[in-house]
Amino acid sequence: MPYIIGFFALFFIVTGIVARRKLLYLLFILFVGFGVLAMYDFWRWEYNYGHNLDPSAAIIVPGMAYQPPLIGFKQLLNFGAYSMPDIGGWIFVSVGVLLLFLHDRCLAQL
């Protein structure tokens, strides 16, 4: 993950210095694609975590999966699980929104 973030940081710097629309579009597509892929990977990890319980687990409820929510709240038997992005996640969302804004501004200049 640090290499991916480093790649995007370098790509942002190069795009800012070179100032080409095609680079901005490519950066936008890669960044959004990375976000979608990362969310899918995390959901898949949660799914495997919640559906592949150890057969010798202390509590097993037939038909019940212990998959925590990707985003939001979910009641799991007698406890609630709450999941929201922390500061790093919100920074990534903010950068994506900023990229979308810059993308729209470039389209308006055409």
PDB file of N, CA and C in Angstrom:
ATOM      1  N   MET A   1       0.807  -1.194   0.000  1.00  0.00           N
ATOM      2  CA  MET A   1       0.000   0.000   0.000  1.00  0.00           C
ATOM      3  C   MET A   1       0.862   1.276   0.000  1.00  0.00           C
ATOM      4  N   PRO A   2       1.960   1.316   0.764  1.00  0.00           N
ATOM      5  CA  PRO A   2       2.782   2.533   0.714  1.00  0.00           C
ATOM      6  C   PRO A   2       3.318   2.818  -0.694  1.00  0.00           C
ATOM      7  N   TYR A   3       3.600   1.762  -1.466  1.00  0.00           N
ATOM      8  CA  TYR A   3       4.099   1.965  -2.821  1.00  0.00           C
ATOM      9  C   TYR A   3       3.009   2.558  -3.718  1.00  0.00           C
ATOM     10  N   ILE A   4       1.777   2.117  -3.534  1.00  0.00           N
ATOM     11  CA  ILE A   4       0.668   2.647  -4.333  1.00  0.00           C
ATOM     12  C   ILE A   4       0.440   4.124  -4.002  1.00  0.00           C
ATOM     13  N   ILE A   5       0.458   4.454  -2.716  1.00  0.00           N
ATOM     14  CA  ILE A   5       0.277   5.847  -2.307  1.00  0.00           C
ATOM     15  C   ILE A   5       1.441   6.695  -2.811  1.00  0.00           C
ATOM     16  N   GLY A   6       2.653   6.160  -2.752  1.00  0.00           N
ATOM     17  CA  GLY A   6       3.810   6.874  -3.292  1.00  0.00           C
ATOM     18  C   GLY A   6       3.693   7.091  -4.791  1.00  0.00           C
ATOM     19  N   PHE A   7       3.200   6.066  -5.499  1.00  0.00           N
ATOM     20  CA  PHE A   7       2.978   6.199  -6.944  1.00  0.00           C
ATOM     21  C   PHE A   7       2.004   7.332  -7.233  1.00  0.00           C
ATOM     22  N   PHE A   8       0.883   7.363  -6.499  1.00  0.00           N
ATOM     23  CA  PHE A   8      -0.104   8.420  -6.731  1.00  0.00           C
ATOM     24  C   PHE A   8       0.454   9.796  -6.362  1.00  0.00           C
ATOM     25  N   ALA A   9       1.222   9.882  -5.292  1.00  0.00           N
ATOM     26  CA  ALA A   9       1.823  11.168  -4.915  1.00  0.00           C
ATOM     27  C   ALA A   9       2.741  11.665  -6.026  1.00  0.00           C
ATOM     28  N   LEU A  10       3.563  10.773  -6.552  1.00  0.00           N
ATOM     29  CA  LEU A  10       4.467  11.144  -7.641  1.00  0.00           C
ATOM     30  C   LEU A  10       3.681  11.511  -8.901  1.00  0.00           C
ATOM     31  N   PHE A  11       2.639  10.751  -9.191  1.00  0.00           N
ATOM     32  CA  PHE A  11       1.809  11.017 -10.368  1.00  0.00           C
ATOM     33  C   PHE A  11       1.121  12.372 -10.242  1.00  0.00           C
ATOM     34  N   PHE A  12       0.646  12.718  -9.039  1.00  0.00           N
ATOM     35  CA  PHE A  12       0.028  14.037  -8.819  1.00  0.00           C
ATOM     36  C   PHE A  12       1.047  15.146  -9.070  1.00  0.00           C
ATOM     37  N   ILE A  13       2.257  14.983  -8.566  1.00  0.00           N
ATOM     38  CA  ILE A  13       3.289  16.013  -8.745  1.00  0.00           C
ATOM     39  C   ILE A  13       3.631  16.178 -10.223  1.00  0.00           C
ATOM     40  N   VAL A  14       3.837  15.049 -10.906  1.00  0.00           N
ATOM     41  CA  VAL A  14       4.173  15.103 -12.335  1.00  0.00           C
ATOM     42  C   VAL A  14       3.034  15.742 -13.123  1.00  0.00           C
ATOM     43  N   THR A  15       1.790  15.367 -12.808  1.00  0.00           N
ATOM     44  CA  THR A  15       0.633  15.947 -13.508  1.00  0.00           C
ATOM     45  C   THR A  15       0.553  17.449 -13.279  1.00  0.00           C
ATOM     46  N   GLY A  16       0.845  17.894 -12.058  1.00  0.00           N
ATOM     47  CA  GLY A  16       0.828  19.328 -11.768  1.00  0.00           C
ATOM     48  C   GLY A  16       1.926  20.081 -12.494  1.00  0.00           C
ATOM     49  N   ILE A  17       3.092  19.469 -12.612  1.00  0.00           N
ATOM     50  CA  ILE A  17       4.209  20.141 -13.279  1.00  0.00           C
ATOM     51  C   ILE A  17       4.003  20.156 -14.794  1.00  0.00           C
ATOM     52  N   VAL A  18       3.618  19.024 -15.368  1.00  0.00           N
ATOM     53  CA  VAL A  18       3.460  18.920 -16.819  1.00  0.00           C
ATOM     54  C   VAL A  18       2.204  19.648 -17.293  1.00  0.00           C
ATOM     55  N   ALA A  19       1.158  19.617 -16.484  1.00  0.00           N
ATOM     56  CA  ALA A  19      -0.102  20.330 -16.761  1.00  0.00           C
ATOM     57  C   ALA A  19      -0.724  19.955 -18.104  1.00  0.00           C
ATOM     58  N   ARG A  20      -0.925  18.666 -18.299  1.00  0.00           N
ATOM     59  CA  ARG A  20      -1.600  18.168 -19.501  1.00  0.00           C
ATOM     60  C   ARG A  20      -2.935  17.544 -19.113  1.00  0.00           C
ATOM     61  N   ARG A  21      -3.958  17.828 -19.930  1.00  0.00           N
ATOM     62  CA  ARG A  21      -5.292  17.295 -19.641  1.00  0.00           C
ATOM     63  C   ARG A  21      -5.326  15.780 -19.675  1.00  0.00           C
ATOM     64  N   LYS A  22      -4.632  15.195 -20.635  1.00  0.00           N
ATOM     65  CA  LYS A  22      -4.638  13.737 -20.748  1.00  0.00           C
ATOM     66  C   LYS A  22      -4.070  13.079 -19.503  1.00  0.00           C
ATOM     67  N   LEU A  23      -3.029  13.675 -18.935  1.00  0.00           N
ATOM     68  CA  LEU A  23      -2.476  13.147 -17.687  1.00  0.00           C
ATOM     69  C   LEU A  23      -3.478  13.277 -16.548  1.00  0.00           C
ATOM     70  N   LEU A  24      -4.178  14.404 -16.496  1.00  0.00           N
ATOM     71  CA  LEU A  24      -5.183  14.603 -15.459  1.00  0.00           C
ATOM     72  C   LEU A  24      -6.307  13.586 -15.593  1.00  0.00           C
ATOM     73  N   TYR A  25      -6.746  13.327 -16.821  1.00  0.00           N
ATOM     74  CA  TYR A  25      -7.808  12.336 -17.048  1.00  0.00           C
ATOM     75  C   TYR A  25      -7.336  10.943 -16.651  1.00  0.00           C
ATOM     76  N   LEU A  26      -6.105  10.610 -17.034  1.00  0.00           N
ATOM     77  CA  LEU A  26      -5.561   9.306 -16.673  1.00  0.00           C
ATOM     78  C   LEU A  26      -5.437   9.173 -15.157  1.00  0.00           C
ATOM     79  N   LEU A  27      -4.963  10.210 -14.500  1.00  0.00           N
ATOM     80  CA  LEU A  27      -4.841  10.203 -13.049  1.00  0.00           C
ATOM     81  C   LEU A  27      -6.205  10.026 -12.398  1.00  0.00           C
ATOM     82  N   PHE A  28      -7.200  10.734 -12.900  1.00  0.00           N
ATOM     83  CA  PHE A  28      -8.554  10.624 -12.359  1.00  0.00           C
ATOM     84  C   PHE A  28      -9.083   9.196 -12.494  1.00  0.00           C
ATOM     85  N   ILE A  29      -8.933   8.607 -13.673  1.00  0.00           N
ATOM     86  CA  ILE A  29      -9.422   7.248 -13.908  1.00  0.00           C
ATOM     87  C   ILE A  29      -8.689   6.243 -13.020  1.00  0.00           C
ATOM     88  N   LEU A  30      -7.373   6.354 -12.931  1.00  0.00           N
ATOM     89  CA  LEU A  30      -6.604   5.440 -12.082  1.00  0.00           C
ATOM     90  C   LEU A  30      -6.959   5.597 -10.614  1.00  0.00           C
ATOM     91  N   PHE A  31      -7.144   6.831 -10.157  1.00  0.00           N
ATOM     92  CA  PHE A  31      -7.437   7.088  -8.749  1.00  0.00           C
ATOM     93  C   PHE A  31      -8.808   6.541  -8.372  1.00  0.00           C
ATOM     94  N   VAL A  32      -9.806   6.779  -9.218  1.00  0.00           N
ATOM     95  CA  VAL A  32     -11.149   6.255  -8.946  1.00  0.00           C
ATOM     96  C   VAL A  32     -11.137   4.727  -9.037  1.00  0.00           C
ATOM     97  N   GLY A  33     -10.438   4.195 -10.034  1.00  0.00           N
ATOM     98  CA  GLY A  33     -10.329   2.745 -10.153  1.00  0.00           C
ATOM     99  C   GLY A  33      -9.667   2.120  -8.934  1.00  0.00           C
ATOM    100  N   PHE A  34      -8.622   2.767  -8.429  1.00  0.00           N
ATOM    101  CA  PHE A  34      -7.958   2.276  -7.223  1.00  0.00           C
ATOM    102  C   PHE A  34      -8.920   2.286  -6.040  1.00  0.00           C
ATOM    103  N   GLY A  35      -9.712   3.349  -5.916  1.00  0.00           N
ATOM    104  CA  GLY A  35     -10.672   3.421  -4.810  1.00  0.00           C
ATOM    105  C   GLY A  35     -11.710   2.317  -4.886  1.00  0.00           C
ATOM    106  N   VAL A  36     -12.233   2.063  -6.073  1.00  0.00           N
ATOM    107  CA  VAL A  36     -13.226   1.000  -6.250  1.00  0.00           C
ATOM    108  C   VAL A  36     -12.601  -0.362  -5.958  1.00  0.00           C
ATOM    109  N   LEU A  37     -11.410  -0.598  -6.484  1.00  0.00           N
ATOM    110  CA  LEU A  37     -10.732  -1.870  -6.259  1.00  0.00           C
ATOM    111  C   LEU A  37     -10.400  -2.072  -4.775  1.00  0.00           C
ATOM    112  N   ALA A  38      -9.972  -1.014  -4.102  1.00  0.00           N
ATOM    113  CA  ALA A  38      -9.647  -1.113  -2.675  1.00  0.00           C
ATOM    114  C   ALA A  38     -10.897  -1.426  -1.850  1.00  0.00           C
ATOM    115  N   MET A  39     -12.024  -0.791  -2.177  1.00  0.00           N
ATOM    116  CA  MET A  39     -13.263  -1.070  -1.452  1.00  0.00           C
ATOM    117  C   MET A  39     -13.718  -2.513  -1.688  1.00  0.00           C
ATOM    118  N   TYR A  40     -13.618  -2.982  -2.929  1.00  0.00           N
ATOM    119  CA  TYR A  40     -13.981  -4.369  -3.227  1.00  0.00           C
ATOM    120  C   TYR A  40     -13.076  -5.336  -2.465  1.00  0.00           C
ATOM    121  N   ASP A  41     -11.770  -5.080  -2.448  1.00  0.00           N
ATOM    122  CA  ASP A  41     -10.831  -5.958  -1.753  1.00  0.00           C
ATOM    123  C   ASP A  41     -11.145  -6.008  -0.259  1.00  0.00           C
ATOM    124  N   PHE A  42     -11.458  -4.861   0.331  1.00  0.00           N
ATOM    125  CA  PHE A  42     -11.786  -4.828   1.758  1.00  0.00           C
ATOM    126  C   PHE A  42     -13.098  -5.568   2.024  1.00  0.00           C
ATOM    127  N   TRP A  43     -14.095  -5.381   1.144  1.00  0.00           N
ATOM    128  CA  TRP A  43     -15.360  -6.099   1.307  1.00  0.00           C
ATOM    129  C   TRP A  43     -15.117  -7.594   1.218  1.00  0.00           C
ATOM    130  N   ARG A  44     -14.287  -8.049   0.264  1.00  0.00           N
ATOM    131  CA  ARG A  44     -13.987  -9.474   0.104  1.00  0.00           C
ATOM    132  C   ARG A  44     -13.289 -10.026   1.339  1.00  0.00           C
ATOM    133  N   TRP A  45     -12.370  -9.245   1.902  1.00  0.00           N
ATOM    134  CA  TRP A  45     -11.690  -9.667   3.124  1.00  0.00           C
ATOM    135  C   TRP A  45     -12.704  -9.824   4.258  1.00  0.00           C
ATOM    136  N   GLU A  46     -13.609  -8.838   4.418  1.00  0.00           N
ATOM    137  CA  GLU A  46     -14.642  -8.924   5.451  1.00  0.00           C
ATOM    138  C   GLU A  46     -15.558 -10.122   5.228  1.00  0.00           C
ATOM    139  N   TYR A  47     -15.912 -10.378   3.968  1.00  0.00           N
ATOM    140  CA  TYR A  47     -16.791 -11.506   3.657  1.00  0.00           C
ATOM    141  C   TYR A  47     -16.141 -12.827   4.077  1.00  0.00           C
ATOM    142  N   ASN A  48     -14.867 -12.996   3.691  1.00  0.00           N
ATOM    143  CA  ASN A  48     -14.155 -14.225   4.082  1.00  0.00           C
ATOM    144  C   ASN A  48     -14.015 -14.329   5.586  1.00  0.00           C
ATOM    145  N   TYR A  49     -13.769 -13.219   6.245  1.00  0.00           N
ATOM    146  CA  TYR A  49     -13.640 -13.190   7.707  1.00  0.00           C
ATOM    147  C   TYR A  49     -14.941 -13.617   8.374  1.00  0.00           C
ATOM    148  N   GLY A  50     -16.064 -13.153   7.860  1.00  0.00           N
ATOM    149  CA  GLY A  50     -17.346 -13.417   8.503  1.00  0.00           C
ATOM    150  C   GLY A  50     -18.023 -14.707   8.105  1.00  0.00           C
ATOM    151  N   HIS A  51     -17.632 -15.283   6.962  1.00  0.00           N
ATOM    152  CA  HIS A  51     -18.319 -16.486   6.492  1.00  0.00           C
ATOM    153  C   HIS A  51     -17.500 -17.767   6.628  1.00  0.00           C
ATOM    154  N   ASN A  52     -16.236 -17.655   6.924  1.00  0.00           N
ATOM    155  CA  ASN A  52     -15.384 -18.839   7.085  1.00  0.00           C
ATOM    156  C   ASN A  52     -14.941 -18.971   8.539  1.00  0.00           C
ATOM    157  N   LEU A  53     -15.908 -19.233   9.389  1.00  0.00           N
ATOM    158  CA  LEU A  53     -15.599 -19.348  10.813  1.00  0.00           C
ATOM    159  C   LEU A  53     -14.927 -20.687  11.117  1.00  0.00           C
ATOM    160  N   ASP A  54     -14.143 -20.693  12.150  1.00  0.00           N
ATOM    161  CA  ASP A  54     -13.507 -21.920  12.626  1.00  0.00           C
ATOM    162  C   ASP A  54     -14.594 -22.862  13.150  1.00  0.00           C
ATOM    163  N   PRO A  55     -14.602 -24.098  12.706  1.00  0.00           N
ATOM    164  CA  PRO A  55     -15.631 -25.028  13.173  1.00  0.00           C
ATOM    165  C   PRO A  55     -15.628 -25.227  14.683  1.00  0.00           C
ATOM    166  N   SER A  56     -14.503 -24.944  15.334  1.00  0.00           N
ATOM    167  CA  SER A  56     -14.452 -25.099  16.789  1.00  0.00           C
ATOM    168  C   SER A  56     -14.663 -23.762  17.515  1.00  0.00           C
ATOM    169  N   ALA A  57     -15.247 -22.782  16.834  1.00  0.00           N
ATOM    170  CA  ALA A  57     -15.495 -21.473  17.454  1.00  0.00           C
ATOM    171  C   ALA A  57     -16.457 -21.626  18.630  1.00  0.00           C
ATOM    172  N   ALA A  58     -16.324 -20.754  19.603  1.00  0.00           N
ATOM    173  CA  ALA A  58     -17.136 -20.843  20.818  1.00  0.00           C
ATOM    174  C   ALA A  58     -18.621 -20.631  20.534  1.00  0.00           C
ATOM    175  N   ILE A  59     -18.943 -19.717  19.633  1.00  0.00           N
ATOM    176  CA  ILE A  59     -20.349 -19.441  19.316  1.00  0.00           C
ATOM    177  C   ILE A  59     -20.529 -19.547  17.804  1.00  0.00           C
ATOM    178  N   ILE A  60     -21.423 -20.440  17.401  1.00  0.00           N
ATOM    179  CA  ILE A  60     -21.785 -20.558  15.992  1.00  0.00           C
ATOM    180  C   ILE A  60     -23.303 -20.591  15.924  1.00  0.00           C
ATOM    181  N   VAL A  61     -23.881 -19.626  15.222  1.00  0.00           N
ATOM    182  CA  VAL A  61     -25.331 -19.583  15.021  1.00  0.00           C
ATOM    183  C   VAL A  61     -25.593 -20.030  13.588  1.00  0.00           C
ATOM    184  N   PRO A  62     -26.300 -21.154  13.406  1.00  0.00           N
ATOM    185  CA  PRO A  62     -26.555 -21.625  12.042  1.00  0.00           C
ATOM    186  C   PRO A  62     -27.269 -20.562  11.201  1.00  0.00           C
ATOM    187  N   GLY A  63     -26.759 -20.353   9.998  1.00  0.00           N
ATOM    188  CA  GLY A  63     -27.349 -19.372   9.092  1.00  0.00           C
ATOM    189  C   GLY A  63     -26.933 -17.937   9.368  1.00  0.00           C
ATOM    190  N   MET A  64     -26.127 -17.716  10.382  1.00  0.00           N
ATOM    191  CA  MET A  64     -25.700 -16.362  10.751  1.00  0.00           C
ATOM    192  C   MET A  64     -24.258 -16.136  10.301  1.00  0.00           C
ATOM    193  N   ALA A  65     -24.012 -15.054   9.567  1.00  0.00           N
ATOM    194  CA  ALA A  65     -22.662 -14.658   9.186  1.00  0.00           C
ATOM    195  C   ALA A  65     -22.232 -13.494  10.067  1.00  0.00           C
ATOM    196  N   TYR A  66     -20.968 -13.434  10.366  1.00  0.00           N
ATOM    197  CA  TYR A  66     -20.442 -12.384  11.230  1.00  0.00           C
ATOM    198  C   TYR A  66     -19.668 -11.349  10.425  1.00  0.00           C
ATOM    199  N   GLN A  67     -20.180 -11.018   9.252  1.00  0.00           N
ATOM    200  CA  GLN A  67     -19.508 -10.052   8.395  1.00  0.00           C
ATOM    201  C   GLN A  67     -19.803  -8.640   8.874  1.00  0.00           C
ATOM    202  N   PRO A  68     -18.763  -7.886   9.260  1.00  0.00           N
ATOM    203  CA  PRO A  68     -18.989  -6.498   9.652  1.00  0.00           C
ATOM    204  C   PRO A  68     -19.364  -5.649   8.438  1.00  0.00           C
ATOM    205  N   PRO A  69     -19.976  -4.494   8.651  1.00  0.00           N
ATOM    206  CA  PRO A  69     -20.365  -3.658   7.505  1.00  0.00           C
ATOM    207  C   PRO A  69     -19.151  -2.988   6.869  1.00  0.00           C
ATOM    208  N   LEU A  70     -19.252  -2.760   5.566  1.00  0.00           N
ATOM    209  CA  LEU A  70     -18.193  -2.035   4.875  1.00  0.00           C
ATOM    210  C   LEU A  70     -18.216  -0.568   5.303  1.00  0.00           C
ATOM    211  N   ILE A  71     -19.405   0.029   5.261  1.00  0.00           N
ATOM    212  CA  ILE A  71     -19.604   1.395   5.746  1.00  0.00           C
ATOM    213  C   ILE A  71     -20.971   1.423   6.412  1.00  0.00           C
ATOM    214  N   GLY A  72     -21.038   1.995   7.600  1.00  0.00           N
ATOM    215  CA  GLY A  72     -22.315   2.120   8.282  1.00  0.00           C
ATOM    216  C   GLY A  72     -22.415   1.259   9.524  1.00  0.00           C
ATOM    217  N   PHE A  73     -23.643   0.861   9.863  1.00  0.00           N
ATOM    218  CA  PHE A  73     -23.925   0.123  11.094  1.00  0.00           C
ATOM    219  C   PHE A  73     -24.612  -1.195  10.760  1.00  0.00           C
ATOM    220  N   LYS A  74     -24.301  -2.225  11.534  1.00  0.00           N
ATOM    221  CA  LYS A  74     -24.953  -3.527  11.377  1.00  0.00           C
ATOM    222  C   LYS A  74     -25.055  -4.193  12.742  1.00  0.00           C
ATOM    223  N   GLN A  75     -26.229  -4.704  13.026  1.00  0.00           N
ATOM    224  CA  GLN A  75     -26.441  -5.425  14.278  1.00  0.00           C
ATOM    225  C   GLN A  75     -26.005  -6.872  14.091  1.00  0.00           C
ATOM    226  N   LEU A  76     -25.102  -7.341  14.932  1.00  0.00           N
ATOM    227  CA  LEU A  76     -24.629  -8.724  14.899  1.00  0.00           C
ATOM    228  C   LEU A  76     -24.942  -9.364  16.258  1.00  0.00           C
ATOM    229  N   LEU A  77     -26.047 -10.099  16.297  1.00  0.00           N
ATOM    230  CA  LEU A  77     -26.564 -10.701  17.532  1.00  0.00           C
ATOM    231  C   LEU A  77     -26.754  -9.616  18.583  1.00  0.00           C
ATOM    232  N   ASN A  78     -26.014  -9.700  19.698  1.00  0.00           N
ATOM    233  CA  ASN A  78     -26.255  -8.742  20.783  1.00  0.00           C
ATOM    234  C   ASN A  78     -25.285  -7.550  20.785  1.00  0.00           C
ATOM    235  N   PHE A  79     -24.569  -7.342  19.701  1.00  0.00           N
ATOM    236  CA  PHE A  79     -23.692  -6.169  19.639  1.00  0.00           C
ATOM    237  C   PHE A  79     -23.801  -5.531  18.254  1.00  0.00           C
ATOM    238  N   GLY A  80     -23.464  -4.265  18.201  1.00  0.00           N
ATOM    239  CA  GLY A  80     -23.518  -3.526  16.944  1.00  0.00           C
ATOM    240  C   GLY A  80     -22.120  -3.272  16.416  1.00  0.00           C
ATOM    241  N   ALA A  81     -21.978  -3.346  15.123  1.00  0.00           N
ATOM    242  CA  ALA A  81     -20.701  -3.050  14.469  1.00  0.00           C
ATOM    243  C   ALA A  81     -20.881  -1.787  13.636  1.00  0.00           C
ATOM    244  N   TYR A  82     -19.977  -0.839  13.811  1.00  0.00           N
ATOM    245  CA  TYR A  82     -20.054   0.442  13.125  1.00  0.00           C
ATOM    246  C   TYR A  82     -18.740   0.650  12.387  1.00  0.00           C
ATOM    247  N   SER A  83     -18.819   1.027  11.120  1.00  0.00           N
ATOM    248  CA  SER A  83     -17.616   1.199  10.311  1.00  0.00           C
ATOM    249  C   SER A  83     -17.722   2.473   9.478  1.00  0.00           C
ATOM    250  N   MET A  84     -16.761   3.358   9.630  1.00  0.00           N
ATOM    251  CA  MET A  84     -16.670   4.586   8.837  1.00  0.00           C
ATOM    252  C   MET A  84     -15.195   4.854   8.554  1.00  0.00           C
ATOM    253  N   PRO A  85     -14.901   5.537   7.444  1.00  0.00           N
ATOM    254  CA  PRO A  85     -13.493   5.865   7.162  1.00  0.00           C
ATOM    255  C   PRO A  85     -12.924   6.778   8.247  1.00  0.00           C
ATOM    256  N   ASP A  86     -11.638   6.615   8.513  1.00  0.00           N
ATOM    257  CA  ASP A  86     -10.966   7.500   9.457  1.00  0.00           C
ATOM    258  C   ASP A  86     -10.305   8.630   8.663  1.00  0.00           C
ATOM    259  N   ILE A  87      -9.414   9.349   9.261  1.00  0.00           N
ATOM    260  CA  ILE A  87      -8.828  10.542   8.648  1.00  0.00           C
ATOM    261  C   ILE A  87      -8.193  10.232   7.296  1.00  0.00           C
ATOM    262  N   GLY A  88      -7.435   9.139   7.194  1.00  0.00           N
ATOM    263  CA  GLY A  88      -6.791   8.791   5.924  1.00  0.00           C
ATOM    264  C   GLY A  88      -7.802   8.535   4.822  1.00  0.00           C
ATOM    265  N   GLY A  89      -8.887   7.849   5.168  1.00  0.00           N
ATOM    266  CA  GLY A  89      -9.934   7.591   4.182  1.00  0.00           C
ATOM    267  C   GLY A  89     -10.593   8.865   3.705  1.00  0.00           C
ATOM    268  N   TRP A  90     -10.856   9.785   4.640  1.00  0.00           N
ATOM    269  CA  TRP A  90     -11.480  11.061   4.262  1.00  0.00           C
ATOM    270  C   TRP A  90     -10.533  11.906   3.422  1.00  0.00           C
ATOM    271  N   ILE A  91      -9.224  11.794   3.667  1.00  0.00           N
ATOM    272  CA  ILE A  91      -8.258  12.508   2.833  1.00  0.00           C
ATOM    273  C   ILE A  91      -8.316  11.986   1.407  1.00  0.00           C
ATOM    274  N   PHE A  92      -8.389  10.650   1.253  1.00  0.00           N
ATOM    275  CA  PHE A  92      -8.484  10.071  -0.084  1.00  0.00           C
ATOM    276  C   PHE A  92      -9.773  10.505  -0.778  1.00  0.00           C
ATOM    277  N   VAL A  93     -10.885  10.529  -0.057  1.00  0.00           N
ATOM    278  CA  VAL A  93     -12.152  10.983  -0.642  1.00  0.00           C
ATOM    279  C   VAL A  93     -12.041  12.445  -1.061  1.00  0.00           C
ATOM    280  N   SER A  94     -11.434  13.283  -0.223  1.00  0.00           N
ATOM    281  CA  SER A  94     -11.278  14.705  -0.539  1.00  0.00           C
ATOM    282  C   SER A  94     -10.421  14.905  -1.787  1.00  0.00           C
ATOM    283  N   VAL A  95      -9.358  14.135  -1.898  1.00  0.00           N
ATOM    284  CA  VAL A  95      -8.494  14.240  -3.080  1.00  0.00           C
ATOM    285  C   VAL A  95      -9.267  13.811  -4.327  1.00  0.00           C
ATOM    286  N   GLY A  96     -10.080  12.768  -4.211  1.00  0.00           N
ATOM    287  CA  GLY A  96     -10.902  12.340  -5.347  1.00  0.00           C
ATOM    288  C   GLY A  96     -11.889  13.407  -5.768  1.00  0.00           C
ATOM    289  N   VAL A  97     -12.505  14.076  -4.802  1.00  0.00           N
ATOM    290  CA  VAL A  97     -13.448  15.158  -5.114  1.00  0.00           C
ATOM    291  C   VAL A  97     -12.703  16.325  -5.759  1.00  0.00           C
ATOM    292  N   LEU A  98     -11.524  16.633  -5.265  1.00  0.00           N
ATOM    293  CA  LEU A  98     -10.711  17.696  -5.856  1.00  0.00           C
ATOM    294  C   LEU A  98     -10.335  17.347  -7.295  1.00  0.00           C
ATOM    295  N   LEU A  99      -9.966  16.086  -7.533  1.00  0.00           N
ATOM    296  CA  LEU A  99      -9.665  15.652  -8.891  1.00  0.00           C
ATOM    297  C   LEU A  99     -10.883  15.800  -9.796  1.00  0.00           C
ATOM    298  N   LEU A 100     -12.047  15.441  -9.291  1.00  0.00           N
ATOM    299  CA  LEU A 100     -13.277  15.576 -10.067  1.00  0.00           C
ATOM    300  C   LEU A 100     -13.535  17.044 -10.401  1.00  0.00           C
ATOM    301  N   PHE A 101     -13.309  17.934  -9.432  1.00  0.00           N
ATOM    302  CA  PHE A 101     -13.475  19.368  -9.652  1.00  0.00           C
ATOM    303  C   PHE A 101     -12.512  19.866 -10.730  1.00  0.00           C
ATOM    304  N   LEU A 102     -11.243  19.443 -10.644  1.00  0.00           N
ATOM    305  CA  LEU A 102     -10.256  19.860 -11.649  1.00  0.00           C
ATOM    306  C   LEU A 102     -10.606  19.281 -13.016  1.00  0.00           C
ATOM    307  N   HIS A 103     -11.096  18.065 -13.027  1.00  0.00           N
ATOM    308  CA  HIS A 103     -11.514  17.415 -14.277  1.00  0.00           C
ATOM    309  C   HIS A 103     -12.631  18.224 -14.930  1.00  0.00           C
ATOM    310  N   ASP A 104     -13.627  18.629 -14.136  1.00  0.00           N
ATOM    311  CA  ASP A 104     -14.730  19.429 -14.659  1.00  0.00           C
ATOM    312  C   ASP A 104     -14.243  20.795 -15.145  1.00  0.00           C
ATOM    313  N   ARG A 105     -13.303  21.395 -14.425  1.00  0.00           N
ATOM    314  CA  ARG A 105     -12.778  22.698 -14.852  1.00  0.00           C
ATOM    315  C   ARG A 105     -12.041  22.575 -16.175  1.00  0.00           C
ATOM    316  N   CYS A 106     -11.326  21.470 -16.369  1.00  0.00           N
ATOM    317  CA  CYS A 106     -10.629  21.247 -17.647  1.00  0.00           C
ATOM    318  C   CYS A 106     -11.634  21.054 -18.772  1.00  0.00           C
ATOM    319  N   LEU A 107     -12.734  20.352 -18.505  1.00  0.00           N
ATOM    320  CA  LEU A 107     -13.754  20.164 -19.518  1.00  0.00           C
ATOM    321  C   LEU A 107     -14.426  21.493 -19.892  1.00  0.00           C
ATOM    322  N   ALA A 108     -14.591  22.357 -18.896  1.00  0.00           N
ATOM    323  CA  ALA A 108     -15.233  23.658 -19.144  1.00  0.00           C
ATOM    324  C   ALA A 108     -14.357  24.558 -20.015  1.00  0.00           C
ATOM    325  N   GLN A 109     -13.059  24.346 -19.996  1.00  0.00           N
ATOM    326  CA  GLN A 109     -12.145  25.176 -20.767  1.00  0.00           C
ATOM    327  C   GLN A 109     -12.025  24.734 -22.214  1.00  0.00           C
ATOM    328  N   LEU A 110     -12.609  23.597 -22.552  1.00  0.00           N
ATOM    329  CA  LEU A 110     -12.512  23.096 -23.941  1.00  0.00           C
ATOM    330  C   LEU A 110     -13.275  23.950 -24.912  1.00  0.00           C
TER     331      LEU A 110
END
